C-alpha cells in the first residue's frame, strides 16, 4: 500500500470523519428545508444554486474519500456499511446528474422557440430529476447511527404504539 492510501484509510475510519460527514448531512438537510421554503415565494436565487453546487461537490469529495480509503472492494463489500455505501453512491451520483442538468439548463438560452425545442428547456425533465433532492434528505438517517440512545427510545415508542393499538382494538371488541 502507498502511504497516502494507508493515511486515507485510517482517516475515513475515524469518528472525526464520521462527525464531519454527519455535520455535512445535517447542514444539507437544513439547507434543503430553506431551499424548499424559499421556492414557494420566489424563483431560485443565485446564492441558493451556489450553495447547492457546493454541497454537491462536498458530497462527491466525501464519496471519493470513502472509495479511496476503503478501496473499491472494501467500499462495496464492507458488511456493516454495504447498504449505506450503496445508497450514498446512488444518491450522490443522481445528485451530481441533477446538478449538471441544472447548470446546463441555466446556461442554455432561455428566450424564444430555441428554449422550447431544447431538451434542457423541458420543465418536466428537470422536475423528474429534482426528485433526487428529496432522496438526499434521506441520507440524514445515516446520522442516526451516532444517536444510539435516541434510536432505542424511538424503537420503544414504536413498540409501545403497536401494543397500545392492539389493546385499543381489544377494548373496542369487548365493548
Protein backbone atom coordinates (compact mmCIF):
# COMPACT_ATOMS: atom_id res chain seq x y z
CA UNK A 1 0.00 0.00 0.00
CA UNK A 2 1.06 3.55 -0.66
CA UNK A 3 1.41 5.76 2.43
CA UNK A 4 -1.39 8.04 1.17
CA UNK A 5 -3.72 5.05 0.92
CA UNK A 6 -2.91 3.99 4.47
CA UNK A 7 -3.38 7.53 5.78
CA UNK A 8 -6.69 7.97 3.92
CA UNK A 9 -7.85 4.54 5.03
CA UNK A 10 -7.22 5.41 8.66
CA UNK A 11 -8.88 8.82 8.29
CA UNK A 12 -12.15 7.59 6.75
CA UNK A 13 -12.50 5.07 9.58
CA UNK A 14 -12.20 7.70 12.33
CA UNK A 15 -15.06 9.17 14.30
CA UNK A 16 -13.83 12.61 13.20
CA UNK A 17 -14.57 11.79 9.56
CA UNK A 18 -17.97 10.38 10.57
CA UNK A 19 -18.73 13.57 12.53
CA UNK A 20 -17.72 15.75 9.58
CA UNK A 21 -19.92 13.67 7.27
CA UNK A 22 -22.81 13.80 9.74
CA UNK A 23 -22.47 17.58 10.08
CA UNK A 24 -22.45 17.92 6.30
CA UNK A 25 -25.60 15.77 6.04
CA UNK A 26 -27.43 17.75 8.73
CA UNK A 27 -26.40 21.08 7.19
CA UNK A 28 -27.61 19.83 3.80
CA UNK A 29 -30.93 18.75 5.32
CA UNK A 30 -31.40 22.21 6.84
CA UNK A 31 -30.41 23.83 3.55
CA UNK A 32 -32.92 21.72 1.59
CA UNK A 33 -35.60 22.90 4.02
CA UNK A 34 -34.59 26.52 3.37
CA UNK A 35 -34.46 25.84 -0.36
CA UNK A 36 -37.96 24.37 -0.41
CA UNK A 37 -39.36 27.18 1.75
CA UNK A 38 -37.76 29.79 -0.50
CA UNK A 39 -39.03 28.12 -3.68
CA UNK A 40 -42.64 28.81 -2.66
CA UNK A 41 -42.09 32.55 -2.77
CA UNK A 42 -39.56 33.35 -5.49
CA UNK A 43 -37.73 31.68 -8.32
CA UNK A 44 -34.46 30.07 -7.26
CA UNK A 45 -31.95 32.72 -6.23
CA UNK A 46 -28.31 32.58 -7.28
CA UNK A 47 -26.96 32.07 -3.77
CA UNK A 48 -29.22 29.03 -3.31
CA UNK A 49 -27.87 27.48 -6.51
CA UNK A 50 -24.27 28.17 -5.44
CA UNK A 51 -24.78 26.58 -2.02
CA UNK A 52 -26.47 23.61 -3.69
CA UNK A 53 -23.45 23.18 -6.00
CA UNK A 54 -21.09 23.41 -3.02
CA UNK A 55 -22.97 20.62 -1.24
CA UNK A 56 -22.84 18.51 -4.40
CA UNK A 57 -19.05 18.94 -4.64
CA UNK A 58 -18.63 18.26 -0.91
CA UNK A 59 -20.60 15.00 -1.19
CA UNK A 60 -18.57 13.99 -4.25
CA UNK A 61 -15.38 14.60 -2.28
CA UNK A 62 -16.73 12.60 0.67
CA UNK A 63 -17.68 9.72 -1.63
CA UNK A 64 -14.28 9.84 -3.32
CA UNK A 65 -12.51 9.80 0.04
CA UNK A 66 -14.55 6.79 1.16
CA UNK A 67 -13.84 4.94 -2.10
CA UNK A 68 -10.14 5.74 -1.82
CA UNK A 69 -9.91 5.00 1.90
CA UNK A 70 -11.81 1.71 1.88
CA UNK A 71 -10.63 0.68 -1.56
CA UNK A 72 -13.04 -0.28 -4.31
CA UNK A 73 -13.85 -3.76 -2.97
CA UNK A 74 -13.79 -2.66 0.67
CA UNK A 75 -16.30 0.09 -0.11
CA UNK A 76 -18.75 -2.24 -1.84
CA UNK A 77 -18.24 -5.39 0.25
CA UNK A 78 -17.96 -3.93 3.78
CA UNK A 79 -20.61 -5.95 5.67
CA UNK A 80 -21.51 -3.25 8.20
CA UNK A 81 -21.74 -0.33 5.74
CA UNK A 82 -22.54 -2.06 2.44
CA UNK A 83 -26.15 -0.85 2.26
CA UNK A 84 -25.28 2.72 3.31
CA UNK A 85 -22.38 2.90 0.88
CA UNK A 86 -24.58 1.72 -1.99
CA UNK A 87 -27.33 4.18 -1.02
CA UNK A 88 -24.82 7.05 -0.70
CA UNK A 89 -23.26 6.20 -4.06
CA UNK A 90 -26.61 6.22 -5.87
CA UNK A 91 -27.80 9.44 -4.19
CA UNK A 92 -24.51 11.29 -4.81
CA UNK A 93 -24.36 10.22 -8.46
CA UNK A 94 -28.02 11.17 -9.06
CA UNK A 95 -27.48 14.49 -7.24
CA UNK A 96 -24.46 15.18 -9.42
CA UNK A 97 -26.53 14.39 -12.51
CA UNK A 98 -29.25 16.75 -11.25
CA UNK A 99 -26.69 19.49 -10.62
CA UNK A 100 -25.13 19.09 -14.06
CA UNK A 101 -28.56 19.30 -15.72
CA UNK A 102 -29.38 22.40 -13.65
CA UNK A 103 -26.11 24.06 -14.68
CA UNK A 104 -26.70 23.23 -18.35
CA UNK A 105 -30.31 24.47 -18.15
CA UNK A 106 -29.17 27.74 -16.58
CA UNK A 107 -26.50 28.16 -19.26
CA UNK A 108 -28.84 27.40 -22.18
CA UNK A 109 -30.62 30.27 -23.98
CA UNK A 110 -33.93 30.96 -22.31
CA UNK A 111 -35.77 33.01 -24.88
CA UNK A 112 -37.97 32.19 -27.82
CA UNK A 113 -38.53 28.89 -29.53
CA UNK A 114 -34.92 27.75 -29.03
CA UNK A 115 -35.61 27.01 -25.38
CA UNK A 116 -38.89 25.29 -26.07
CA UNK A 117 -37.26 22.91 -28.54
CA UNK A 118 -34.32 22.17 -26.25
CA UNK A 119 -34.32 19.08 -24.08
CA UNK A 120 -32.93 21.21 -21.25
CA UNK A 121 -35.78 23.64 -21.66
CA UNK A 122 -38.28 20.89 -20.96
CA UNK A 123 -39.52 21.53 -17.44
CA UNK A 124 -40.82 18.01 -16.92
CA UNK A 125 -37.31 16.59 -17.37
CA UNK A 126 -35.97 18.93 -14.70
CA UNK A 127 -38.85 18.17 -12.34
CA UNK A 128 -38.31 14.42 -12.57
CA UNK A 129 -34.60 14.76 -11.88
CA UNK A 130 -35.24 17.08 -8.93
CA UNK A 131 -36.96 14.24 -7.07
CA UNK A 132 -33.39 13.29 -6.22
CA UNK A 133 -33.27 16.26 -3.86
CA UNK A 134 -35.96 14.66 -1.75
CA UNK A 135 -33.95 11.45 -1.62
CA UNK A 136 -30.89 13.41 -0.45
CA UNK A 137 -32.74 14.24 2.76
CA UNK A 138 -32.92 10.51 3.49
CA UNK A 139 -29.13 10.48 3.87
CA UNK A 140 -29.67 12.29 7.18
CA UNK A 141 -30.98 8.99 8.53
CA UNK A 142 -27.40 7.75 8.40
CA UNK A 143 -26.61 10.23 11.20
CA UNK A 144 -28.95 8.26 13.44
CA UNK A 145 -26.25 5.62 14.00
CA UNK A 146 -24.48 8.21 16.18
CA UNK A 147 -27.50 8.57 18.44
CA UNK A 148 -27.83 5.07 19.85
CA UNK A 149 -29.96 6.19 22.82
CA UNK A 150 -32.35 8.07 20.54
CA UNK A 151 -32.72 5.02 18.31
CA UNK A 152 -33.54 2.88 21.36
CA UNK A 153 -36.09 5.45 22.52
CA UNK A 154 -37.72 5.61 19.07
CA UNK A 155 -37.86 1.80 18.88
CA UNK A 156 -39.53 1.73 22.30
CA UNK A 157 -42.09 4.33 21.25
CA UNK A 158 -42.92 2.43 18.04
CA UNK A 159 -43.25 -0.80 20.01
CA UNK A 160 -45.49 0.92 22.58
CA UNK A 161 -47.72 2.36 19.86
CA UNK A 162 -48.13 -1.08 18.31
CA UNK A 163 -49.04 -2.61 21.67
CA UNK A 164 -51.42 0.25 22.50
CA UNK A 165 -53.15 -0.19 19.14
CA UNK A 166 -53.79 -3.87 19.83
CA UNK A 167 -55.04 -3.02 23.33
CA UNK A 168 -57.40 -0.41 21.89
CA UNK A 169 -58.75 -2.89 19.33
CA UNK A 170 -59.28 -5.49 22.05
CA UNK A 171 -61.12 -2.93 24.22
CA UNK A 172 -63.37 -1.95 21.31
CA UNK A 173 -64.23 -5.62 20.66
CA UNK A 174 -65.17 -6.13 24.31
CA UNK A 175 -67.38 -3.06 24.43
